[in-house]
Amino acid sequence: MPAIKIITALFLLAAGPPQGVSMEDFYRHECEAGHQHACEKLAALSEGLMQQKRLEQRSTGFWKDINTQELMLDKKKPGLQDAYPLVMRDFFKMEAAAGSTETLDEERLPQCAMHYHNYWINRKLWYPSNDDGTPDWPAIYIYIVDHYFGYCLKQQ
């Protein structure tokens, strides 16, 4: 019986700790093995990662050119309804420069902006903010884009 425990322990030591594999690594491995479906998934994943990187970079860069004080409702609360169309127009401009053919639904934009503002300010009574209580504008940028694609476009 002790021999089995020793053999098991030696086997586990030889195998090493479990390794995590990212989806990108998995699809790359499967694609290199000749699975076309994995190659398609890898291409879509790579495009999504590039878009995410652009979004993260733009979420901070965008606010350098905007007077955020003009977007404030008072000393603490941001005017999310006014920020929404600015962010979405900027996002679609950035994506068009990257080759996207998607267009912004300008007709729906005011309703989306109002819903987003009411959700964060009136319903949740909270908004993305820094430790000092000031609005976290880069996070707000990302939340607005997420709201547009995740909620707004799905509404009839």
C-alpha atoms as a PDB file:
ATOM      1  CA  MET A   1       0.000   0.000   0.000  1.00  0.00           C
ATOM      2  CA  PRO A   2       2.749   2.548   0.822  1.00  0.00           C
ATOM      3  CA  ALA A   3       4.356   1.725  -2.536  1.00  0.00           C
ATOM      4  CA  ILE A   4       1.211   2.873  -4.351  1.00  0.00           C
ATOM      5  CA  LYS A   5       1.236   6.186  -2.456  1.00  0.00           C
ATOM      6  CA  ILE A   6       4.918   6.706  -3.287  1.00  0.00           C
ATOM      7  CA  ILE A   7       4.386   5.866  -6.960  1.00  0.00           C
ATOM      8  CA  THR A   8       1.368   8.204  -7.094  1.00  0.00           C
ATOM      9  CA  ALA A   9       3.352  11.005  -5.438  1.00  0.00           C
ATOM     10  CA  LEU A  10       6.263  10.532  -7.859  1.00  0.00           C
ATOM     11  CA  PHE A  11       3.882  10.540 -10.818  1.00  0.00           C
ATOM     12  CA  LEU A  12       2.241  13.777  -9.657  1.00  0.00           C
ATOM     13  CA  LEU A  13       5.639  15.401  -9.124  1.00  0.00           C
ATOM     14  CA  ALA A  14       6.782  14.341 -12.586  1.00  0.00           C
ATOM     15  CA  ALA A  15       3.584  15.627 -14.183  1.00  0.00           C
ATOM     16  CA  GLY A  16       4.092  19.062 -12.640  1.00  0.00           C
ATOM     17  CA  PRO A  17       1.430  21.518 -11.621  1.00  0.00           C
ATOM     18  CA  PRO A  18      -1.640  21.876 -13.840  1.00  0.00           C
ATOM     19  CA  GLN A  19      -1.217  24.511 -16.544  1.00  0.00           C
ATOM     20  CA  GLY A  20      -3.900  26.915 -17.647  1.00  0.00           C
ATOM     21  CA  VAL A  21      -4.573  27.226 -21.339  1.00  0.00           C
ATOM     22  CA  SER A  22      -6.129  30.327 -22.811  1.00  0.00           C
ATOM     23  CA  MET A  23      -8.815  30.090 -25.469  1.00  0.00           C
ATOM     24  CA  GLU A  24      -6.396  31.736 -27.871  1.00  0.00           C
ATOM     25  CA  ASP A  25      -3.741  29.058 -27.225  1.00  0.00           C
ATOM     26  CA  PHE A  26      -6.324  26.287 -27.523  1.00  0.00           C
ATOM     27  CA  TYR A  27      -7.682  27.558 -30.856  1.00  0.00           C
ATOM     28  CA  ARG A  28      -4.154  28.165 -32.180  1.00  0.00           C
ATOM     29  CA  HIS A  29      -3.157  24.587 -31.304  1.00  0.00           C
ATOM     30  CA  GLU A  30      -6.313  23.165 -32.898  1.00  0.00           C
ATOM     31  CA  CYS A  31      -5.890  25.358 -35.979  1.00  0.00           C
ATOM     32  CA  GLU A  32      -2.292  24.205 -36.411  1.00  0.00           C
ATOM     33  CA  ALA A  33      -3.621  20.649 -36.182  1.00  0.00           C
ATOM     34  CA  GLY A  34      -5.771  21.382 -39.244  1.00  0.00           C
ATOM     35  CA  HIS A  35      -9.187  22.104 -37.725  1.00  0.00           C
ATOM     36  CA  GLN A  36     -10.690  24.853 -39.891  1.00  0.00           C
ATOM     37  CA  HIS A  37     -13.420  25.666 -37.353  1.00  0.00           C
ATOM     38  CA  ALA A  38     -10.722  26.444 -34.774  1.00  0.00           C
ATOM     39  CA  CYS A  39      -8.972  28.741 -37.270  1.00  0.00           C
ATOM     40  CA  GLU A  40     -12.210  30.691 -37.732  1.00  0.00           C
ATOM     41  CA  LYS A  41     -12.708  30.920 -33.968  1.00  0.00           C
ATOM     42  CA  LEU A  42      -9.100  32.073 -33.540  1.00  0.00           C
ATOM     43  CA  ALA A  43      -9.556  34.815 -36.149  1.00  0.00           C
ATOM     44  CA  ALA A  44     -12.753  36.044 -34.465  1.00  0.00           C
ATOM     45  CA  LEU A  45     -11.124  35.926 -31.041  1.00  0.00           C
ATOM     46  CA  SER A  46      -8.083  37.837 -32.289  1.00  0.00           C
ATOM     47  CA  GLU A  47     -10.296  40.536 -33.799  1.00  0.00           C
ATOM     48  CA  GLY A  48     -12.240  40.788 -30.537  1.00  0.00           C
ATOM     49  CA  LEU A  49      -9.018  41.135 -28.547  1.00  0.00           C
ATOM     50  CA  MET A  50      -7.784  43.873 -30.880  1.00  0.00           C
ATOM     51  CA  GLN A  51     -11.104  45.699 -30.554  1.00  0.00           C
ATOM     52  CA  GLN A  52     -10.900  45.396 -26.760  1.00  0.00           C
ATOM     53  CA  LYS A  53      -7.395  46.844 -26.786  1.00  0.00           C
ATOM     54  CA  ARG A  54      -8.548  49.784 -28.963  1.00  0.00           C
ATOM     55  CA  LEU A  55     -11.490  50.344 -26.614  1.00  0.00           C
ATOM     56  CA  GLU A  56      -9.281  50.393 -23.532  1.00  0.00           C
ATOM     57  CA  GLN A  57      -6.815  52.821 -25.122  1.00  0.00           C
ATOM     58  CA  ARG A  58      -9.525  55.100 -26.448  1.00  0.00           C
ATOM     59  CA  SER A  59     -11.453  55.110 -23.169  1.00  0.00           C
ATOM     60  CA  THR A  60      -8.596  57.045 -21.572  1.00  0.00           C
ATOM     61  CA  GLY A  61      -7.511  59.058 -24.601  1.00  0.00           C
ATOM     62  CA  PHE A  62     -10.984  60.338 -25.445  1.00  0.00           C
ATOM     63  CA  TRP A  63     -11.399  62.340 -22.263  1.00  0.00           C
ATOM     64  CA  LYS A  64      -8.195  64.325 -22.807  1.00  0.00           C
ATOM     65  CA  ASP A  65      -9.994  66.374 -25.475  1.00  0.00           C
ATOM     66  CA  ILE A  66     -13.298  66.736 -23.590  1.00  0.00           C
ATOM     67  CA  ASN A  67     -14.092  69.268 -20.883  1.00  0.00           C
ATOM     68  CA  THR A  68     -15.669  66.858 -18.424  1.00  0.00           C
ATOM     69  CA  GLN A  69     -16.696  69.727 -16.128  1.00  0.00           C
ATOM     70  CA  GLU A  70     -19.296  70.676 -18.740  1.00  0.00           C
ATOM     71  CA  LEU A  71     -20.733  67.147 -18.462  1.00  0.00           C
ATOM     72  CA  MET A  72     -21.293  67.371 -14.714  1.00  0.00           C
ATOM     73  CA  LEU A  73     -24.808  67.753 -13.283  1.00  0.00           C
ATOM     74  CA  ASP A  74     -23.361  69.050 -10.026  1.00  0.00           C
ATOM     75  CA  LYS A  75     -20.003  68.841  -8.237  1.00  0.00           C
ATOM     76  CA  LYS A  76     -20.134  65.032  -7.991  1.00  0.00           C
ATOM     77  CA  LYS A  77     -22.656  63.588 -10.489  1.00  0.00           C
ATOM     78  CA  PRO A  78     -21.788  63.152 -14.158  1.00  0.00           C
ATOM     79  CA  GLY A  79     -24.326  63.933 -16.865  1.00  0.00           C
ATOM     80  CA  LEU A  80     -24.285  60.488 -18.385  1.00  0.00           C
ATOM     81  CA  GLN A  81     -27.054  61.336 -20.849  1.00  0.00           C
ATOM     82  CA  ASP A  82     -24.861  64.045 -22.386  1.00  0.00           C
ATOM     83  CA  ALA A  83     -21.740  61.865 -22.372  1.00  0.00           C
ATOM     84  CA  TYR A  84     -23.466  58.928 -24.092  1.00  0.00           C
ATOM     85  CA  PRO A  85     -23.754  60.326 -27.648  1.00  0.00           C
ATOM     86  CA  LEU A  86     -20.237  61.787 -27.488  1.00  0.00           C
ATOM     87  CA  VAL A  87     -18.814  58.406 -26.526  1.00  0.00           C
ATOM     88  CA  MET A  88     -20.784  56.408 -29.067  1.00  0.00           C
ATOM     89  CA  ARG A  89     -19.956  58.734 -31.965  1.00  0.00           C
ATOM     90  CA  ASP A  90     -16.301  58.566 -30.999  1.00  0.00           C
ATOM     91  CA  PHE A  91     -16.402  54.780 -30.686  1.00  0.00           C
ATOM     92  CA  PHE A  92     -17.927  54.306 -34.141  1.00  0.00           C
ATOM     93  CA  LYS A  93     -15.440  56.759 -35.631  1.00  0.00           C
ATOM     94  CA  MET A  94     -12.580  54.755 -34.082  1.00  0.00           C
ATOM     95  CA  GLU A  95     -14.000  51.451 -35.319  1.00  0.00           C
ATOM     96  CA  ALA A  96     -14.585  52.840 -38.832  1.00  0.00           C
ATOM     97  CA  ALA A  97     -10.902  53.846 -38.925  1.00  0.00           C
ATOM     98  CA  ALA A  98     -10.082  50.228 -38.006  1.00  0.00           C
ATOM     99  CA  GLY A  99     -12.190  48.936 -40.908  1.00  0.00           C
ATOM    100  CA  SER A 100     -15.584  48.309 -39.304  1.00  0.00           C
ATOM    101  CA  THR A 101     -18.673  48.903 -41.433  1.00  0.00           C
ATOM    102  CA  GLU A 102     -21.106  49.053 -38.502  1.00  0.00           C
ATOM    103  CA  THR A 103     -23.008  52.304 -38.136  1.00  0.00           C
ATOM    104  CA  LEU A 104     -24.454  54.101 -35.159  1.00  0.00           C
ATOM    105  CA  ASP A 105     -28.243  54.077 -34.872  1.00  0.00           C
ATOM    106  CA  GLU A 106     -28.680  57.850 -34.445  1.00  0.00           C
ATOM    107  CA  GLU A 107     -32.461  57.506 -34.139  1.00  0.00           C
ATOM    108  CA  ARG A 108     -32.153  55.259 -31.125  1.00  0.00           C
ATOM    109  CA  LEU A 109     -29.308  57.200 -29.497  1.00  0.00           C
ATOM    110  CA  PRO A 110     -31.388  59.672 -27.400  1.00  0.00           C
ATOM    111  CA  GLN A 111     -33.479  56.852 -25.894  1.00  0.00           C
ATOM    112  CA  CYS A 112     -30.359  54.813 -25.156  1.00  0.00           C
ATOM    113  CA  ALA A 113     -28.693  57.808 -23.513  1.00  0.00           C
ATOM    114  CA  MET A 114     -31.729  58.529 -21.360  1.00  0.00           C
ATOM    115  CA  HIS A 115     -32.043  54.873 -20.299  1.00  0.00           C
ATOM    116  CA  TYR A 116     -28.346  54.674 -19.439  1.00  0.00           C
ATOM    117  CA  HIS A 117     -28.456  57.868 -17.387  1.00  0.00           C
ATOM    118  CA  ASN A 118     -31.619  56.863 -15.553  1.00  0.00           C
ATOM    119  CA  TYR A 119     -30.249  53.409 -14.827  1.00  0.00           C
ATOM    120  CA  TRP A 120     -27.008  54.643 -13.253  1.00  0.00           C
ATOM    121  CA  ILE A 121     -28.046  57.921 -11.634  1.00  0.00           C
ATOM    122  CA  ASN A 122     -31.713  57.438 -10.730  1.00  0.00           C
ATOM    123  CA  ARG A 123     -32.052  53.691 -10.224  1.00  0.00           C
ATOM    124  CA  LYS A 124     -28.694  52.517  -8.939  1.00  0.00           C
ATOM    125  CA  LEU A 125     -27.863  55.874  -7.343  1.00  0.00           C
ATOM    126  CA  TRP A 126     -24.268  55.077  -8.261  1.00  0.00           C
ATOM    127  CA  TYR A 127     -21.930  55.533 -11.199  1.00  0.00           C
ATOM    128  CA  PRO A 128     -18.335  54.423 -11.912  1.00  0.00           C
ATOM    129  CA  SER A 129     -16.135  56.672  -9.790  1.00  0.00           C
ATOM    130  CA  ASN A 130     -12.598  57.066  -8.516  1.00  0.00           C
ATOM    131  CA  ASP A 131     -11.593  56.778  -4.869  1.00  0.00           C
ATOM    132  CA  ASP A 132     -12.143  60.515  -4.381  1.00  0.00           C
ATOM    133  CA  GLY A 133     -15.735  60.256  -5.653  1.00  0.00           C
ATOM    134  CA  THR A 134     -15.100  61.912  -9.016  1.00  0.00           C
ATOM    135  CA  PRO A 135     -16.469  60.138 -12.091  1.00  0.00           C
ATOM    136  CA  ASP A 136     -14.207  57.474 -13.571  1.00  0.00           C
ATOM    137  CA  TRP A 137     -14.573  58.686 -17.152  1.00  0.00           C
ATOM    138  CA  PRO A 138     -12.559  55.864 -18.804  1.00  0.00           C
ATOM    139  CA  ALA A 139     -14.773  53.270 -17.073  1.00  0.00           C
ATOM    140  CA  ILE A 140     -17.870  55.262 -18.046  1.00  0.00           C
ATOM    141  CA  TYR A 141     -16.726  55.157 -21.695  1.00  0.00           C
ATOM    142  CA  ILE A 142     -16.497  51.361 -21.580  1.00  0.00           C
ATOM    143  CA  TYR A 143     -19.822  51.004 -19.742  1.00  0.00           C
ATOM    144  CA  ILE A 144     -21.545  53.210 -22.340  1.00  0.00           C
ATOM    145  CA  VAL A 145     -20.245  51.085 -25.229  1.00  0.00           C
ATOM    146  CA  ASP A 146     -21.274  47.941 -23.360  1.00  0.00           C
ATOM    147  CA  HIS A 147     -24.760  49.356 -22.731  1.00  0.00           C
ATOM    148  CA  TYR A 148     -25.216  50.280 -26.395  1.00  0.00           C
ATOM    149  CA  PHE A 149     -24.371  46.803 -27.692  1.00  0.00           C
ATOM    150  CA  GLY A 150     -25.552  44.764 -24.726  1.00  0.00           C
ATOM    151  CA  TYR A 151     -28.866  46.461 -24.022  1.00  0.00           C
ATOM    152  CA  CYS A 152     -29.811  49.258 -26.368  1.00  0.00           C
ATOM    153  CA  LEU A 153     -29.564  47.463 -29.702  1.00  0.00           C
ATOM    154  CA  LYS A 154     -31.518  44.510 -28.313  1.00  0.00           C
ATOM    155  CA  GLN A 155     -34.558  46.645 -27.495  1.00  0.00           C
ATOM    156  CA  GLN A 156     -37.336  47.004 -30.060  1.00  0.00           C
END
